[in-house]
């Protein structure tokens, strides 16, 4: 492990560049840095920008406001608080070719580049290798061979690190702030695969020697800002903020302390700096993230709009509770290998957080990317329970819910557009059109890896359909 430098010299000013100025970053990572600034630590500031021109109004608003914005948080008992966040001191405009981002990343003052990516945005297959079938990834490979930046994380980092190496700007930490399991290890492996496919051996060697990629786990429910948020902030604070964000009161950040070029003193403001993030991320991914998707799919099938409505519906809440109790907890805490997380307490806390009516998180937001979430959030529990010879009836509820949800999409009956970066629409339609959709879903190797087609998986999902049917109608054709 690379030694960390927690505090820079007293007169130092270092920059953390974040790729992706969406709501989650501004309600999570920026908040931790704000807490440091509020404590009188001036050593680090944030810069940020986007890899694609996908939220121009928000970027424009942040630039007009000098990077400042309002964070609204709400507790489970409905207490609202408002905080002005000023940690982002530089909002970089989007430009094709990403010149502002590349220049900031190549500046010696920049010591950390962090990013928030969806599961599908890693373009990894079930073996953890880059999936070159992706048109975006293949296009970025050609751009990188021409010396250009791309639109994927790998295409962007390749260009940024090339510029940093050429400038002699020194080592850099690459920090994931998302839900991918073993995210630091996997982005490092994917990045090196990308650079090697580009054919830049010198850059690959430089990356191995001059970068670190700590694993990290993040947690805060951050719904898309509702249209009425701006007016609510103005009424409560007097600030006419064009880029406010909202989130729950709960916040957590667990980070492996492996920073090659220094870091902020995050541990002094509540972050957990650890040797291994694995048990924390397993608990969060399998309990929170998978249960979140369970409730979103079930709530959509039941005609509900918001997560809290599903979490307060006894049948749906019971599905999530049973999944965690029956199948996840036995995987994560076994005799002789207890989890450092109080798993039953965490389960109950998560379900209470989901029940918060003030958050108004939508099923549409949480239901997205099912083709990435099943292999990342759900399949590991199935695989481990099958290896133990244990029952999988409760975890099988989740793919049964997703299949019913997918069949609604297939028939054009979802109440909202469905976004899924990991889905091949032709494959998804073929699953739904199959004589036996359960068998087709359970045979998909992209979803299930080495347990695809397993008889016990297929039969458990078929049985689970009986519990899903009252919400959605029959899941399958027998």
Protein backbone atom coordinates (compact mmCIF):
# COMPACT_ATOMS: atom_id res chain seq x y z
CA UNK A 1 0.00 0.00 0.00
CA UNK A 2 1.28 3.47 -0.85
CA UNK A 3 1.84 5.71 2.16
CA UNK A 4 -0.66 8.55 2.52
CA UNK A 5 0.16 12.14 3.32
CA UNK A 6 -2.80 13.34 5.33
CA UNK A 7 -1.97 17.03 5.63
CA UNK A 8 0.03 19.15 3.19
CA UNK A 9 2.44 21.85 4.33
CA UNK A 10 0.63 24.82 5.95
CA UNK A 11 0.90 27.07 2.89
CA UNK A 12 -0.05 24.43 0.30
CA UNK A 13 -3.10 24.68 -1.96
CA UNK A 14 -4.03 21.44 -3.63
CA UNK A 15 -6.89 20.62 -6.00
CA UNK A 16 -9.19 17.62 -6.19
CA UNK A 17 -10.66 17.33 -9.70
CA UNK A 18 -14.01 15.56 -9.90
CA UNK A 19 -15.41 14.19 -13.15
CA UNK A 20 -19.20 14.36 -13.08
CA UNK A 21 -20.84 17.32 -11.30
CA UNK A 22 -24.14 15.54 -10.77
CA UNK A 23 -26.30 15.63 -7.67
CA UNK A 24 -24.56 12.80 -5.84
CA UNK A 25 -21.09 14.36 -5.90
CA UNK A 26 -22.48 17.70 -4.78
CA UNK A 27 -24.46 16.09 -1.94
CA UNK A 28 -21.66 13.79 -0.82
CA UNK A 29 -17.96 14.27 -1.61
CA UNK A 30 -18.20 18.06 -1.85
CA UNK A 31 -19.89 18.10 1.55
CA UNK A 32 -16.95 16.37 3.24
CA UNK A 33 -14.56 18.93 1.80
CA UNK A 34 -16.91 21.73 2.86
CA UNK A 35 -16.75 20.42 6.42
CA UNK A 36 -12.96 20.65 6.30
CA UNK A 37 -13.11 24.20 4.96
CA UNK A 38 -15.60 25.12 7.69
CA UNK A 39 -13.12 23.77 10.29
CA UNK A 40 -10.49 26.18 9.00
CA UNK A 41 -8.53 23.78 6.78
CA UNK A 42 -7.82 25.71 3.55
CA UNK A 43 -5.45 23.26 1.91
CA UNK A 44 -7.76 21.61 -0.63
CA UNK A 45 -10.41 22.85 -3.04
CA UNK A 46 -12.55 21.17 -5.68
CA UNK A 47 -12.65 21.63 -9.42
CA UNK A 48 -15.14 19.76 -11.57
CA UNK A 49 -16.65 19.22 -14.95
CA UNK A 50 -18.48 16.66 -17.07
CA UNK A 51 -17.29 14.21 -19.70
CA UNK A 52 -20.36 14.80 -21.86
CA UNK A 53 -22.60 17.75 -22.58
CA UNK A 54 -25.47 16.16 -20.68
CA UNK A 55 -26.40 18.75 -18.02
CA UNK A 56 -25.61 22.15 -19.56
CA UNK A 57 -28.18 24.08 -17.50
CA UNK A 58 -26.69 22.88 -14.21
CA UNK A 59 -23.10 23.56 -15.31
CA UNK A 60 -24.08 27.04 -16.51
CA UNK A 61 -25.86 27.75 -13.23
CA UNK A 62 -22.88 26.59 -11.17
CA UNK A 63 -20.53 28.75 -13.23
CA UNK A 64 -22.75 31.80 -12.73
CA UNK A 65 -22.83 31.07 -8.98
CA UNK A 66 -19.06 30.63 -8.72
CA UNK A 67 -19.46 26.92 -7.96
CA UNK A 68 -21.65 27.58 -4.91
CA UNK A 69 -25.04 25.93 -4.39
CA UNK A 70 -27.49 24.94 -1.67
CA UNK A 71 -27.79 21.48 -0.15
CA UNK A 72 -31.13 20.57 1.38
CA UNK A 73 -31.18 17.57 3.72
CA UNK A 74 -34.15 16.00 5.42
CA UNK A 75 -34.26 13.59 8.34
CA UNK A 76 -36.64 10.61 8.62
CA UNK A 77 -38.81 12.68 10.97
CA UNK A 78 -39.15 15.46 8.39
CA UNK A 79 -36.65 18.03 9.68
CA UNK A 80 -35.23 20.14 6.84
CA UNK A 81 -31.83 21.84 6.90
CA UNK A 82 -30.16 24.07 4.34
CA UNK A 83 -26.42 24.53 3.84
CA UNK A 84 -24.43 26.62 1.40
CA UNK A 85 -21.68 24.54 -0.23
CA UNK A 86 -18.73 26.54 -1.57
CA UNK A 87 -16.07 23.80 -1.82
CA UNK A 88 -16.22 23.75 -5.63
CA UNK A 89 -14.05 26.72 -6.59
CA UNK A 90 -13.66 25.95 -10.29
CA UNK A 91 -16.46 24.77 -12.61
CA UNK A 92 -14.93 23.71 -15.90
CA UNK A 93 -17.03 24.27 -19.03
CA UNK A 94 -17.75 21.32 -21.29
CA UNK A 95 -15.86 21.43 -24.58
CA UNK A 96 -15.53 18.68 -27.20
CA UNK A 97 -12.08 17.26 -26.63
CA UNK A 98 -12.31 18.10 -22.90
CA UNK A 99 -9.41 20.58 -23.02
CA UNK A 100 -10.32 22.32 -19.70
CA UNK A 101 -10.56 19.00 -17.83
CA UNK A 102 -7.32 17.71 -19.33
CA UNK A 103 -5.46 20.91 -18.46
CA UNK A 104 -6.70 20.88 -14.88
CA UNK A 105 -5.77 17.21 -14.48
CA UNK A 106 -2.26 17.89 -15.83
CA UNK A 107 -1.63 20.74 -13.40
CA UNK A 108 0.84 19.81 -10.59
CA UNK A 109 -1.54 21.32 -8.00
CA UNK A 110 -4.11 18.62 -8.85
CA UNK A 111 -3.32 15.62 -6.66
CA UNK A 112 -6.55 13.59 -6.83
CA UNK A 113 -8.91 12.94 -9.74
CA UNK A 114 -12.21 11.45 -8.58
CA UNK A 115 -15.25 10.35 -10.52
CA UNK A 116 -18.79 9.06 -10.15
CA UNK A 117 -19.70 6.40 -12.72
CA UNK A 118 -22.70 4.11 -13.09
CA UNK A 119 -22.06 0.37 -13.06
CA UNK A 120 -22.52 0.21 -16.82
CA UNK A 121 -20.04 3.07 -17.31
CA UNK A 122 -17.14 0.73 -16.51
CA UNK A 123 -17.82 -1.39 -19.63
CA UNK A 124 -16.71 -4.58 -17.86
CA UNK A 125 -17.78 -8.12 -18.72
CA UNK A 126 -18.40 -10.81 -16.10
CA UNK A 127 -14.67 -11.59 -16.03
CA UNK A 128 -13.76 -8.00 -15.20
CA UNK A 129 -12.35 -7.36 -18.67
CA UNK A 130 -13.29 -4.44 -20.86
CA UNK A 131 -16.20 -5.28 -23.13
CA UNK A 132 -15.00 -4.17 -26.56
CA UNK A 133 -18.43 -4.83 -28.04
CA UNK A 134 -19.37 -1.37 -26.73
CA UNK A 135 -19.49 1.16 -29.55
CA UNK A 136 -18.57 3.97 -27.12
CA UNK A 137 -15.49 2.13 -25.87
CA UNK A 138 -14.34 1.16 -29.36
CA UNK A 139 -14.79 4.76 -30.56
CA UNK A 140 -12.70 6.02 -27.65
CA UNK A 141 -9.97 3.52 -28.49
CA UNK A 142 -9.68 5.03 -31.95
CA UNK A 143 -9.68 8.55 -30.49
CA UNK A 144 -6.93 7.62 -28.05
CA UNK A 145 -4.80 6.20 -30.87
CA UNK A 146 -5.13 9.61 -32.56
CA UNK A 147 -4.10 11.37 -29.35
CA UNK A 148 -7.61 12.64 -28.58
CA UNK A 149 -9.72 12.50 -25.43
CA UNK A 150 -12.86 10.37 -25.42
CA UNK A 151 -16.30 10.37 -23.83
CA UNK A 152 -15.86 7.29 -21.62
CA UNK A 153 -14.01 7.30 -18.31
CA UNK A 154 -11.10 5.38 -19.84
CA UNK A 155 -10.80 7.63 -22.88
CA UNK A 156 -10.81 10.68 -20.62
CA UNK A 157 -8.31 9.32 -18.10
CA UNK A 158 -5.98 8.14 -20.85
CA UNK A 159 -5.79 11.67 -22.31
CA UNK A 160 -5.50 13.30 -18.89
CA UNK A 161 -2.68 11.00 -17.75
CA UNK A 162 -0.81 11.43 -21.02
CA UNK A 163 -0.90 15.20 -20.51
CA UNK A 164 0.17 14.86 -16.88
CA UNK A 165 3.08 12.61 -17.77
CA UNK A 166 4.19 14.98 -20.53
CA UNK A 167 4.02 17.94 -18.13
CA UNK A 168 6.05 16.15 -15.46
CA UNK A 169 3.26 17.01 -13.01
CA UNK A 170 3.92 14.11 -10.65
CA UNK A 171 1.87 11.26 -9.18
CA UNK A 172 -1.90 11.22 -8.97
CA UNK A 173 -4.57 9.32 -7.05
CA UNK A 174 -7.62 8.12 -9.00
CA UNK A 175 -10.56 7.89 -6.61
CA UNK A 176 -13.88 6.16 -7.35
CA UNK A 177 -17.03 7.55 -5.73
CA UNK A 178 -19.66 5.06 -6.86
CA UNK A 179 -21.25 1.66 -6.26
CA UNK A 180 -19.00 -0.71 -8.18
CA UNK A 181 -17.60 -3.48 -6.00
CA UNK A 182 -13.76 -3.25 -5.67
CA UNK A 183 -14.08 -0.07 -7.70
CA UNK A 184 -10.50 1.16 -7.38
CA UNK A 185 -8.99 -2.17 -8.36
CA UNK A 186 -11.36 -2.58 -11.26
CA UNK A 187 -10.95 0.89 -12.73
CA UNK A 188 -7.18 0.49 -12.54
CA UNK A 189 -7.36 -2.84 -14.34
CA UNK A 190 -9.76 -1.45 -16.96
CA UNK A 191 -7.63 1.65 -17.49
CA UNK A 192 -4.47 -0.38 -18.01
CA UNK A 193 -6.29 -2.70 -20.42
CA UNK A 194 -7.45 0.35 -22.37
CA UNK A 195 -3.98 1.93 -22.49
CA UNK A 196 -2.37 -1.34 -23.53
CA UNK A 197 -4.95 -1.79 -26.31
CA UNK A 198 -4.11 1.77 -27.43
CA UNK A 199 -0.51 0.61 -27.68
CA UNK A 200 1.05 3.22 -25.37
CA UNK A 201 3.48 1.09 -23.35
CA UNK A 202 5.26 4.11 -21.84
CA UNK A 203 2.02 5.52 -20.48
CA UNK A 204 1.04 2.13 -19.05
CA UNK A 205 4.38 1.91 -17.22
CA UNK A 206 3.97 5.48 -15.91
CA UNK A 207 0.45 4.74 -14.66
CA UNK A 208 1.64 1.66 -12.78
CA UNK A 209 4.37 3.65 -11.02
CA UNK A 210 2.77 7.05 -10.51
CA UNK A 211 -0.90 6.41 -9.69
CA UNK A 212 -2.88 4.75 -6.91
CA UNK A 213 -6.53 3.70 -7.03
CA UNK A 214 -8.00 3.14 -3.56
CA UNK A 215 -11.29 1.28 -3.24
CA UNK A 216 -14.07 3.32 -1.67
CA UNK A 217 -17.70 2.97 -0.61
CA UNK A 218 -20.14 5.88 -0.70
CA UNK A 219 -23.66 6.20 0.68
CA UNK A 220 -26.27 8.93 0.66
CA UNK A 221 -29.66 8.76 -1.02
CA UNK A 222 -29.73 11.69 -3.44
CA UNK A 223 -32.82 11.88 -5.65
CA UNK A 224 -32.99 13.99 -8.76
CA UNK A 225 -33.77 17.55 -7.67
CA UNK A 226 -37.55 18.01 -8.04
CA UNK A 227 -38.85 21.03 -9.97
CA UNK A 228 -40.12 22.65 -6.77
CA UNK A 229 -36.72 22.50 -4.99
CA UNK A 230 -35.58 25.93 -6.16
CA UNK A 231 -38.71 27.58 -4.78
CA UNK A 232 -38.43 25.62 -1.52
CA UNK A 233 -34.83 26.75 -1.05
CA UNK A 234 -35.76 30.36 -1.82
CA UNK A 235 -38.64 30.28 0.66
CA UNK A 236 -36.48 28.75 3.42
CA UNK A 237 -33.24 30.70 2.90
CA UNK A 238 -33.83 33.64 0.60
CA UNK A 239 -31.24 32.25 -1.85
CA UNK A 240 -32.44 32.04 -5.45
CA UNK A 241 -30.31 29.03 -6.29
CA UNK A 242 -30.46 27.65 -9.84
CA UNK A 243 -28.51 24.48 -8.96
CA UNK A 244 -29.69 23.19 -5.55
CA UNK A 245 -29.51 19.53 -4.53
CA UNK A 246 -31.46 17.53 -1.99
CA UNK A 247 -30.69 14.37 -0.05
CA UNK A 248 -31.28 12.44 3.11
CA UNK A 249 -29.55 13.39 6.36
CA UNK A 250 -27.55 10.14 6.47
CA UNK A 251 -24.09 10.20 4.88
CA UNK A 252 -21.21 7.71 4.83
CA UNK A 253 -17.83 7.42 3.09
CA UNK A 254 -15.41 4.54 3.63
CA UNK A 255 -12.06 4.82 1.83
CA UNK A 256 -8.95 2.67 1.70
CA UNK A 257 -6.06 4.87 2.81
CA UNK A 258 -3.92 4.48 -0.32
CA UNK A 259 -3.17 7.98 -1.65
CA UNK A 260 0.05 8.46 -3.59
CA UNK A 261 0.12 12.28 -3.60
CA UNK A 262 -1.56 13.32 -0.35
CA UNK A 263 -5.20 13.75 0.60
CA UNK A 264 -7.51 15.92 2.67
CA UNK A 265 -7.90 15.02 6.34
CA UNK A 266 -11.29 13.46 5.70
CA UNK A 267 -11.14 11.32 8.82
CA UNK A 268 -11.47 14.50 10.91
CA UNK A 269 -14.91 15.19 9.40
CA UNK A 270 -16.48 11.74 9.56
CA UNK A 271 -15.05 9.68 6.70
CA UNK A 272 -13.76 6.23 7.63
CA UNK A 273 -10.20 5.60 6.44
CA UNK A 274 -9.62 1.84 6.45
CA UNK A 275 -7.19 -0.83 5.29
CA UNK A 276 -9.92 -2.71 3.38
CA UNK A 277 -13.29 -1.40 2.32
CA UNK A 278 -14.55 -4.86 1.28
CA UNK A 279 -16.91 -5.72 4.18
CA UNK A 280 -18.45 -2.26 4.13
CA UNK A 281 -19.04 -2.23 0.39
CA UNK A 282 -20.47 -5.74 0.42
CA UNK A 283 -22.98 -4.73 3.09
CA UNK A 284 -23.90 -1.55 1.24
CA UNK A 285 -24.13 -3.04 -2.25
CA UNK A 286 -26.05 -6.16 -1.28
CA UNK A 287 -28.29 -4.66 1.39
CA UNK A 288 -28.89 -1.05 0.36
CA UNK A 289 -28.37 -1.02 -3.40
CA UNK A 290 -30.05 -4.35 -4.17
CA UNK A 291 -32.97 -3.65 -1.82
CA UNK A 292 -33.36 -0.22 -3.40
CA UNK A 293 -33.75 -1.83 -6.81
CA UNK A 294 -36.12 -4.44 -5.38
CA UNK A 295 -38.41 -1.73 -4.03
CA UNK A 296 -38.20 0.33 -7.24
CA UNK A 297 -39.13 -2.59 -9.50
CA UNK A 298 -41.89 -3.77 -7.16
CA UNK A 299 -43.22 -0.25 -6.63
CA UNK A 300 -43.38 0.36 -10.37
CA UNK A 301 -45.30 -2.88 -10.87
CA UNK A 302 -47.70 -1.85 -8.11
CA UNK A 303 -48.40 1.50 -9.78
CA UNK A 304 -46.42 3.60 -7.29
CA UNK A 305 -44.21 6.55 -8.17
CA UNK A 306 -41.87 6.98 -5.19
CA UNK A 307 -39.52 4.72 -3.25
CA UNK A 308 -41.04 5.63 0.10
CA UNK A 309 -44.45 4.42 -1.08
CA UNK A 310 -43.05 0.97 -1.84
CA UNK A 311 -41.03 0.86 1.39
CA UNK A 312 -44.24 1.59 3.31
CA UNK A 313 -46.22 -1.11 1.45
CA UNK A 314 -46.10 -4.21 3.71
CA UNK A 315 -45.79 -6.81 0.93
CA UNK A 316 -42.97 -4.93 -0.81
CA UNK A 317 -41.12 -4.12 2.41
CA UNK A 318 -41.37 -7.81 3.38
CA UNK A 319 -39.75 -8.85 0.10
CA UNK A 320 -36.74 -6.62 0.77
CA UNK A 321 -36.57 -7.72 4.42
CA UNK A 322 -36.71 -11.41 3.54
CA UNK A 323 -34.06 -11.04 0.84
CA UNK A 324 -31.58 -9.50 3.28
CA UNK A 325 -32.45 -11.70 6.27
CA UNK A 326 -32.65 -15.06 4.54
CA UNK A 327 -29.88 -14.80 1.97
CA UNK A 328 -27.58 -11.77 2.36
CA UNK A 329 -26.79 -11.88 6.08
CA UNK A 330 -25.78 -15.58 5.98
CA UNK A 331 -23.36 -14.74 3.16
CA UNK A 332 -21.77 -11.70 4.78
CA UNK A 333 -21.39 -12.93 8.37
CA UNK A 334 -20.48 -16.55 8.95
CA UNK A 335 -19.14 -18.44 11.97
CA UNK A 336 -15.48 -17.57 12.30
CA UNK A 337 -15.81 -14.66 9.85
CA UNK A 338 -18.13 -12.05 11.38
CA UNK A 339 -18.81 -8.79 9.56
CA UNK A 340 -17.63 -5.53 11.17
CA UNK A 341 -21.06 -4.18 10.22
CA UNK A 342 -24.09 -4.92 12.42
CA UNK A 343 -26.02 -6.35 9.49
CA UNK A 344 -29.51 -6.68 11.04
CA UNK A 345 -29.28 -3.11 12.35
CA UNK A 346 -28.05 -1.88 8.98
CA UNK A 347 -30.94 -3.67 7.24
CA UNK A 348 -33.46 -1.96 9.51
CA UNK A 349 -31.79 1.43 9.13
CA UNK A 350 -31.81 1.12 5.34
CA UNK A 351 -35.51 0.27 5.23
CA UNK A 352 -36.28 3.23 7.47
CA UNK A 353 -34.24 5.51 5.20
CA UNK A 354 -36.17 4.25 2.18
CA UNK A 355 -39.43 5.02 4.02
CA UNK A 356 -38.65 8.72 4.38
CA UNK A 357 -41.52 10.48 2.52
CA UNK A 358 -39.67 13.79 2.34
CA UNK A 359 -36.94 12.38 0.06
CA UNK A 360 -39.44 11.63 -2.72
CA UNK A 361 -36.91 9.50 -4.58
CA UNK A 362 -38.53 8.13 -7.73
CA UNK A 363 -38.84 4.52 -8.81
CA UNK A 364 -37.72 5.67 -12.26
CA UNK A 365 -34.32 6.81 -11.00
CA UNK A 366 -33.63 3.74 -8.87
CA UNK A 367 -35.00 1.15 -11.32
CA UNK A 368 -32.56 2.06 -14.09
CA UNK A 369 -29.61 -0.11 -15.24
CA UNK A 370 -31.03 -3.48 -14.20
CA UNK A 371 -28.76 -5.33 -16.63
CA UNK A 372 -25.77 -3.96 -14.71
CA UNK A 373 -27.31 -4.29 -11.26
CA UNK A 374 -28.19 -7.98 -11.44
CA UNK A 375 -24.59 -9.12 -12.03
CA UNK A 376 -23.19 -6.54 -9.61
CA UNK A 377 -25.71 -6.48 -6.77
CA UNK A 378 -27.66 -9.75 -6.89
CA UNK A 379 -25.76 -12.53 -8.65
CA UNK A 380 -22.98 -12.74 -6.00
CA UNK A 381 -25.51 -13.70 -3.33
CA UNK A 382 -27.11 -16.27 -5.63
CA UNK A 383 -23.71 -17.73 -6.47
CA UNK A 384 -22.61 -18.01 -2.84
CA UNK A 385 -25.88 -19.50 -1.62
CA UNK A 386 -25.85 -22.09 -4.40
CA UNK A 387 -22.26 -23.00 -3.52
CA UNK A 388 -23.35 -23.50 0.09
CA UNK A 389 -26.21 -25.74 -1.01
CA UNK A 390 -28.59 -23.27 0.66
CA UNK A 391 -32.03 -22.09 -0.41
CA UNK A 392 -32.26 -19.03 -2.67
CA UNK A 393 -36.00 -18.42 -2.55
CA UNK A 394 -35.76 -14.91 -1.09
CA UNK A 395 -32.98 -13.56 -3.31
CA UNK A 396 -34.81 -15.07 -6.31
CA UNK A 397 -37.56 -12.50 -5.71
CA UNK A 398 -35.31 -9.79 -7.14
CA UNK A 399 -34.78 -11.28 -10.62
CA UNK A 400 -38.44 -12.29 -10.65
CA UNK A 401 -39.38 -8.66 -10.02
CA UNK A 402 -36.96 -7.47 -12.66
CA UNK A 403 -38.38 -9.91 -15.21
CA UNK A 404 -41.91 -8.69 -14.57
CA UNK A 405 -40.63 -5.11 -14.83
CA UNK A 406 -38.82 -5.97 -18.08
CA UNK A 407 -41.95 -7.51 -19.52
CA UNK A 408 -43.80 -4.26 -18.82
CA UNK A 409 -41.05 -2.42 -20.71
CA UNK A 410 -41.23 -4.98 -23.54
CA UNK A 411 -44.96 -4.33 -23.94
CA UNK A 412 -44.56 -0.54 -23.74
CA UNK A 413 -46.46 -0.42 -20.47
CA UNK A 414 -43.94 1.20 -18.13
CA UNK A 415 -45.15 4.59 -16.86
CA UNK A 416 -41.79 6.21 -17.63
CA UNK A 417 -38.84 5.86 -20.03
CA UNK A 418 -36.43 3.15 -18.90
CA UNK A 419 -32.68 3.82 -19.07
CA UNK A 420 -30.24 0.90 -18.99
CA UNK A 421 -26.69 1.41 -20.26
CA UNK A 422 -25.93 -2.29 -19.87
CA UNK A 423 -28.94 -3.55 -21.80
CA UNK A 424 -28.93 -4.78 -25.39
CA UNK A 425 -32.58 -4.09 -26.31
CA UNK A 426 -32.64 -6.98 -28.79
CA UNK A 427 -31.51 -9.40 -26.07
CA UNK A 428 -34.04 -8.00 -23.59
CA UNK A 429 -36.91 -8.31 -26.07
CA UNK A 430 -35.81 -11.88 -26.90
CA UNK A 431 -35.93 -12.84 -23.23
CA UNK A 432 -39.48 -11.52 -22.94
CA UNK A 433 -40.57 -13.17 -26.22
CA UNK A 434 -39.15 -16.58 -25.28
CA UNK A 435 -41.48 -19.54 -24.73
CA UNK A 436 -40.11 -19.64 -21.17
CA UNK A 437 -38.99 -16.12 -20.14
CA UNK A 438 -37.75 -17.32 -16.74
CA UNK A 439 -35.45 -19.86 -18.37
CA UNK A 440 -34.26 -17.26 -20.86
CA UNK A 441 -33.50 -14.71 -18.14
CA UNK A 442 -31.71 -17.26 -15.97
CA UNK A 443 -29.65 -18.53 -18.91
CA UNK A 444 -28.21 -15.12 -19.75
CA UNK A 445 -24.47 -15.33 -19.03
CA UNK A 446 -24.09 -11.54 -18.96
CA UNK A 447 -26.43 -11.44 -15.98
CA UNK A 448 -25.40 -14.58 -14.13
CA UNK A 449 -21.89 -15.57 -15.17
CA UNK A 450 -20.98 -19.11 -14.18
CA UNK A 451 -24.40 -19.88 -12.63
CA UNK A 452 -26.30 -19.00 -15.81
CA UNK A 453 -28.77 -21.76 -16.61
CA UNK A 454 -28.49 -23.34 -13.14
CA UNK A 455 -31.59 -25.45 -12.53
CA UNK A 456 -32.00 -24.27 -8.92
CA UNK A 457 -31.81 -20.63 -10.00
CA UNK A 458 -34.41 -21.18 -12.71
CA UNK A 459 -36.83 -22.99 -10.41
CA UNK A 460 -36.38 -20.49 -7.56
CA UNK A 461 -37.15 -17.57 -9.88
CA UNK A 462 -40.17 -19.47 -11.18
CA UNK A 463 -41.46 -19.96 -7.61
CA UNK A 464 -40.74 -16.34 -6.78
CA UNK A 465 -43.04 -15.35 -9.62
CA UNK A 466 -45.98 -16.48 -7.50
CA UNK A 467 -45.14 -13.79 -4.92
CA UNK A 468 -44.61 -11.20 -7.64
CA UNK A 469 -47.84 -12.04 -9.48
CA UNK A 470 -50.18 -10.09 -7.15
CA UNK A 471 -48.20 -6.96 -7.99
CA UNK A 472 -47.72 -7.55 -11.70
CA UNK A 473 -49.82 -10.36 -13.00
CA UNK A 474 -48.18 -13.66 -14.03
CA UNK A 475 -44.44 -13.28 -14.62
CA UNK A 476 -44.00 -16.17 -17.03
CA UNK A 477 -45.56 -18.55 -19.42
CA UNK A 478 -45.23 -22.03 -17.97
